[in-house]
Amino acid sequence: MSETPHIDIDYVANLARIELTDEEKAKLGSQLDDILGYFDKLNAVDVSGVEPMAHAHAVTNVWREGDQPGPVFDPEVLMQMAPESRENQVVVPKVVE
């Protein structure tokens, strides 16, 4: 197994825009080193022949008895109902800078 490099906590804290005390830096550095150590262990596992999957267990839709799709509106009707639209999309106020 490869040696996990030590984490530059000051660099990581600067990227995260957080201020840490010396005690917090020591604790966080140790925790991040442990996390990267686990990644080394995971990278050592032979996964050839294992099919990729999106979930660890089977995921299916759960329908109740009687659940049926409702009426579908034409896009033109929906765009007429929207306060503002552009290129077949509803325009909403910007909420993220």
N, C-alpha and C. Protein backbone atom coordinates (compact mmCIF):
# COMPACT_ATOMS: atom_id res chain seq x y z
N MET A 1 0.85 -1.18 0.00
CA MET A 1 0.00 0.00 0.00
C MET A 1 0.89 1.23 0.00
N SER A 2 0.49 2.26 -0.76
CA SER A 2 1.31 3.47 -0.86
C SER A 2 1.16 4.33 0.37
N GLU A 3 2.17 5.13 0.63
CA GLU A 3 2.16 6.05 1.76
C GLU A 3 1.26 7.24 1.43
N THR A 4 0.30 7.54 2.31
CA THR A 4 -0.60 8.66 2.09
C THR A 4 0.14 9.96 2.41
N PRO A 5 0.14 10.92 1.48
CA PRO A 5 0.83 12.18 1.74
C PRO A 5 0.13 12.96 2.84
N HIS A 6 0.91 13.73 3.59
CA HIS A 6 0.34 14.55 4.65
C HIS A 6 -0.44 15.71 4.02
N ILE A 7 -1.54 16.07 4.62
CA ILE A 7 -2.42 17.13 4.10
C ILE A 7 -1.94 18.49 4.60
N ASP A 8 -1.89 19.47 3.70
CA ASP A 8 -1.57 20.85 4.06
C ASP A 8 -2.87 21.50 4.53
N ILE A 9 -3.12 21.47 5.84
CA ILE A 9 -4.37 21.95 6.41
C ILE A 9 -4.57 23.44 6.15
N ASP A 10 -3.52 24.21 6.20
CA ASP A 10 -3.66 25.65 5.94
C ASP A 10 -4.19 25.88 4.53
N TYR A 11 -3.69 25.12 3.57
CA TYR A 11 -4.14 25.23 2.18
C TYR A 11 -5.61 24.84 2.05
N VAL A 12 -5.98 23.72 2.68
CA VAL A 12 -7.36 23.24 2.62
C VAL A 12 -8.30 24.23 3.30
N ALA A 13 -7.91 24.76 4.44
CA ALA A 13 -8.74 25.72 5.16
C ALA A 13 -8.91 26.99 4.32
N ASN A 14 -7.86 27.42 3.63
CA ASN A 14 -7.96 28.58 2.77
C ASN A 14 -8.94 28.33 1.62
N LEU A 15 -8.86 27.14 1.01
CA LEU A 15 -9.80 26.80 -0.06
C LEU A 15 -11.24 26.81 0.44
N ALA A 16 -11.44 26.32 1.66
CA ALA A 16 -12.79 26.25 2.24
C ALA A 16 -13.22 27.58 2.85
N ARG A 17 -12.31 28.53 2.87
CA ARG A 17 -12.58 29.86 3.43
C ARG A 17 -13.01 29.77 4.90
N ILE A 18 -12.27 28.93 5.67
CA ILE A 18 -12.55 28.81 7.10
C ILE A 18 -11.28 29.09 7.88
N GLU A 19 -11.45 29.59 9.09
CA GLU A 19 -10.33 29.81 9.99
C GLU A 19 -10.34 28.72 11.04
N LEU A 20 -9.18 28.13 11.29
CA LEU A 20 -9.07 27.04 12.25
C LEU A 20 -8.04 27.38 13.32
N THR A 21 -8.33 26.95 14.54
CA THR A 21 -7.33 27.07 15.61
C THR A 21 -6.28 25.99 15.39
N ASP A 22 -5.16 26.10 16.10
CA ASP A 22 -4.11 25.07 15.99
C ASP A 22 -4.65 23.71 16.40
N GLU A 23 -5.50 23.69 17.43
CA GLU A 23 -6.09 22.42 17.88
C GLU A 23 -6.99 21.82 16.79
N GLU A 24 -7.81 22.67 16.15
CA GLU A 24 -8.69 22.20 15.07
C GLU A 24 -7.88 21.72 13.87
N LYS A 25 -6.78 22.41 13.57
CA LYS A 25 -5.92 22.00 12.46
C LYS A 25 -5.34 20.61 12.72
N ALA A 26 -4.88 20.37 13.95
CA ALA A 26 -4.30 19.07 14.28
C ALA A 26 -5.35 17.97 14.15
N LYS A 27 -6.54 18.23 14.69
CA LYS A 27 -7.61 17.22 14.65
C LYS A 27 -8.05 16.96 13.22
N LEU A 28 -8.30 18.03 12.45
CA LEU A 28 -8.75 17.88 11.08
C LEU A 28 -7.68 17.21 10.21
N GLY A 29 -6.42 17.58 10.43
CA GLY A 29 -5.33 16.96 9.66
C GLY A 29 -5.28 15.47 9.87
N SER A 30 -5.42 15.06 11.12
CA SER A 30 -5.41 13.63 11.44
C SER A 30 -6.59 12.93 10.79
N GLN A 31 -7.79 13.56 10.85
CA GLN A 31 -8.98 12.95 10.26
C GLN A 31 -8.84 12.83 8.74
N LEU A 32 -8.33 13.87 8.10
CA LEU A 32 -8.16 13.81 6.64
C LEU A 32 -7.12 12.77 6.24
N ASP A 33 -6.05 12.65 7.02
CA ASP A 33 -5.05 11.61 6.75
C ASP A 33 -5.69 10.22 6.84
N ASP A 34 -6.56 10.02 7.85
CA ASP A 34 -7.25 8.73 7.99
C ASP A 34 -8.18 8.47 6.80
N ILE A 35 -8.89 9.50 6.36
CA ILE A 35 -9.80 9.34 5.23
C ILE A 35 -9.03 8.95 3.97
N LEU A 36 -7.92 9.63 3.71
CA LEU A 36 -7.12 9.29 2.54
C LEU A 36 -6.51 7.89 2.66
N GLY A 37 -6.21 7.47 3.89
CA GLY A 37 -5.74 6.11 4.11
C GLY A 37 -6.78 5.09 3.70
N TYR A 38 -8.05 5.37 3.99
CA TYR A 38 -9.12 4.48 3.58
C TYR A 38 -9.24 4.43 2.06
N PHE A 39 -9.03 5.56 1.39
CA PHE A 39 -9.04 5.56 -0.07
C PHE A 39 -7.93 4.67 -0.61
N ASP A 40 -6.77 4.68 0.02
CA ASP A 40 -5.68 3.78 -0.40
C ASP A 40 -6.12 2.32 -0.28
N LYS A 41 -6.81 1.99 0.82
CA LYS A 41 -7.31 0.62 1.00
C LYS A 41 -8.32 0.27 -0.09
N LEU A 42 -9.22 1.20 -0.40
CA LEU A 42 -10.22 0.94 -1.44
C LEU A 42 -9.57 0.79 -2.81
N ASN A 43 -8.56 1.59 -3.09
CA ASN A 43 -7.87 1.50 -4.37
C ASN A 43 -7.13 0.17 -4.53
N ALA A 44 -6.79 -0.48 -3.41
CA ALA A 44 -6.07 -1.74 -3.46
C ALA A 44 -6.98 -2.93 -3.79
N VAL A 45 -8.28 -2.74 -3.70
CA VAL A 45 -9.24 -3.83 -3.95
C VAL A 45 -9.37 -4.06 -5.45
N ASP A 46 -9.29 -5.33 -5.86
CA ASP A 46 -9.45 -5.69 -7.27
C ASP A 46 -10.93 -5.69 -7.61
N VAL A 47 -11.35 -4.77 -8.45
CA VAL A 47 -12.75 -4.67 -8.85
C VAL A 47 -12.95 -5.02 -10.32
N SER A 48 -11.95 -5.62 -10.93
CA SER A 48 -12.13 -6.02 -12.32
C SER A 48 -13.23 -7.07 -12.37
N GLY A 49 -14.11 -6.93 -13.34
CA GLY A 49 -15.23 -7.86 -13.47
C GLY A 49 -16.44 -7.47 -12.65
N VAL A 50 -16.36 -6.38 -11.89
CA VAL A 50 -17.51 -5.92 -11.11
C VAL A 50 -18.25 -4.86 -11.93
N GLU A 51 -19.52 -5.09 -12.16
CA GLU A 51 -20.32 -4.16 -12.94
C GLU A 51 -20.54 -2.86 -12.16
N PRO A 52 -20.37 -1.73 -12.81
CA PRO A 52 -20.67 -0.46 -12.14
C PRO A 52 -22.16 -0.36 -11.83
N MET A 53 -22.48 0.31 -10.73
CA MET A 53 -23.88 0.50 -10.37
C MET A 53 -24.07 1.88 -9.75
N ALA A 54 -25.29 2.38 -9.82
CA ALA A 54 -25.59 3.69 -9.27
C ALA A 54 -25.96 3.61 -7.79
N HIS A 55 -26.47 2.46 -7.34
CA HIS A 55 -26.90 2.31 -5.96
C HIS A 55 -26.41 0.97 -5.42
N ALA A 56 -26.24 0.91 -4.12
CA ALA A 56 -25.79 -0.33 -3.49
C ALA A 56 -26.87 -1.40 -3.46
N HIS A 57 -28.11 -0.99 -3.59
CA HIS A 57 -29.22 -1.95 -3.63
C HIS A 57 -30.18 -1.56 -4.75
N ALA A 58 -31.05 -2.46 -5.10
CA ALA A 58 -31.98 -2.22 -6.20
C ALA A 58 -32.91 -1.06 -5.87
N VAL A 59 -33.09 -0.16 -6.82
CA VAL A 59 -33.98 0.98 -6.64
C VAL A 59 -35.08 0.89 -7.68
N THR A 60 -36.31 0.91 -7.22
CA THR A 60 -37.45 0.85 -8.15
C THR A 60 -38.47 1.89 -7.73
N ASN A 61 -39.30 2.31 -8.68
CA ASN A 61 -40.40 3.21 -8.35
C ASN A 61 -41.46 2.43 -7.60
N VAL A 62 -42.10 3.08 -6.66
CA VAL A 62 -43.17 2.46 -5.91
C VAL A 62 -44.46 3.14 -6.33
N TRP A 63 -45.31 2.39 -6.96
CA TRP A 63 -46.59 2.93 -7.42
C TRP A 63 -47.70 2.39 -6.55
N ARG A 64 -48.63 3.25 -6.23
CA ARG A 64 -49.82 2.81 -5.51
C ARG A 64 -50.83 2.29 -6.52
N GLU A 65 -51.73 1.46 -6.04
CA GLU A 65 -52.77 0.98 -6.93
C GLU A 65 -53.59 2.18 -7.40
N GLY A 66 -53.82 2.25 -8.67
CA GLY A 66 -54.59 3.36 -9.22
C GLY A 66 -53.75 4.55 -9.67
N ASP A 67 -52.45 4.55 -9.38
CA ASP A 67 -51.60 5.64 -9.85
C ASP A 67 -51.50 5.59 -11.37
N GLN A 68 -51.91 6.65 -12.00
CA GLN A 68 -51.86 6.76 -13.45
C GLN A 68 -51.40 8.16 -13.81
N PRO A 69 -50.71 8.30 -14.94
CA PRO A 69 -50.33 9.65 -15.37
C PRO A 69 -51.57 10.50 -15.62
N GLY A 70 -51.45 11.78 -15.30
CA GLY A 70 -52.56 12.70 -15.52
C GLY A 70 -52.48 13.32 -16.90
N PRO A 71 -53.31 14.31 -17.12
CA PRO A 71 -53.31 14.96 -18.43
C PRO A 71 -52.00 15.68 -18.68
N VAL A 72 -51.60 15.72 -19.94
CA VAL A 72 -50.36 16.38 -20.33
C VAL A 72 -50.71 17.59 -21.17
N PHE A 73 -50.14 18.73 -20.80
CA PHE A 73 -50.41 19.96 -21.54
C PHE A 73 -49.39 20.15 -22.65
N ASP A 74 -49.80 20.78 -23.71
CA ASP A 74 -48.86 21.14 -24.78
C ASP A 74 -47.91 22.20 -24.24
N PRO A 75 -46.65 22.18 -24.67
CA PRO A 75 -45.70 23.20 -24.21
C PRO A 75 -46.18 24.62 -24.48
N GLU A 76 -46.90 24.84 -25.60
CA GLU A 76 -47.39 26.18 -25.91
C GLU A 76 -48.36 26.67 -24.84
N VAL A 77 -49.23 25.79 -24.36
CA VAL A 77 -50.20 26.15 -23.33
C VAL A 77 -49.46 26.50 -22.03
N LEU A 78 -48.46 25.70 -21.68
CA LEU A 78 -47.71 25.97 -20.45
C LEU A 78 -46.94 27.29 -20.54
N MET A 79 -46.38 27.59 -21.71
CA MET A 79 -45.64 28.84 -21.87
C MET A 79 -46.58 30.04 -21.78
N GLN A 80 -47.84 29.88 -22.21
CA GLN A 80 -48.82 30.95 -22.09
C GLN A 80 -49.19 31.19 -20.63
N MET A 81 -49.12 30.13 -19.81
CA MET A 81 -49.46 30.24 -18.39
C MET A 81 -48.31 30.85 -17.59
N ALA A 82 -47.08 30.77 -18.09
CA ALA A 82 -45.91 31.27 -17.36
C ALA A 82 -45.88 32.80 -17.43
N PRO A 83 -45.47 33.46 -16.34
CA PRO A 83 -45.37 34.91 -16.37
C PRO A 83 -44.36 35.40 -17.40
N GLU A 84 -43.27 34.62 -17.59
CA GLU A 84 -42.26 34.96 -18.58
C GLU A 84 -41.62 33.67 -19.08
N SER A 85 -41.37 33.60 -20.39
CA SER A 85 -40.74 32.40 -20.95
C SER A 85 -39.76 32.81 -22.04
N ARG A 86 -38.82 31.90 -22.30
CA ARG A 86 -37.82 32.13 -23.34
C ARG A 86 -37.36 30.76 -23.83
N GLU A 87 -37.34 30.55 -25.13
CA GLU A 87 -36.88 29.31 -25.75
C GLU A 87 -37.55 28.08 -25.13
N ASN A 88 -38.86 28.16 -24.99
CA ASN A 88 -39.65 27.04 -24.47
C ASN A 88 -39.31 26.69 -23.02
N GLN A 89 -38.82 27.67 -22.25
CA GLN A 89 -38.50 27.47 -20.84
C GLN A 89 -39.11 28.60 -20.03
N VAL A 90 -39.50 28.28 -18.80
CA VAL A 90 -40.05 29.30 -17.90
C VAL A 90 -38.90 30.08 -17.31
N VAL A 91 -38.98 31.40 -17.34
CA VAL A 91 -37.95 32.27 -16.77
C VAL A 91 -38.34 32.57 -15.33
N VAL A 92 -37.40 32.34 -14.42
CA VAL A 92 -37.63 32.61 -12.99
C VAL A 92 -36.58 33.60 -12.51
N PRO A 93 -36.84 34.28 -11.39
CA PRO A 93 -35.85 35.21 -10.86
C PRO A 93 -34.55 34.50 -10.47
N LYS A 94 -33.43 35.16 -10.67
CA LYS A 94 -32.13 34.62 -10.32
C LYS A 94 -32.03 34.58 -8.80
N VAL A 95 -31.64 33.43 -8.24
CA VAL A 95 -31.54 33.30 -6.79
C VAL A 95 -30.12 33.01 -6.34
N VAL A 96 -29.21 32.72 -7.26
CA VAL A 96 -27.83 32.41 -6.91
C VAL A 96 -26.93 33.35 -7.67
N GLU A 97 -25.98 33.93 -6.97
CA GLU A 97 -25.02 34.83 -7.61
C GLU A 97 -23.89 34.02 -8.22
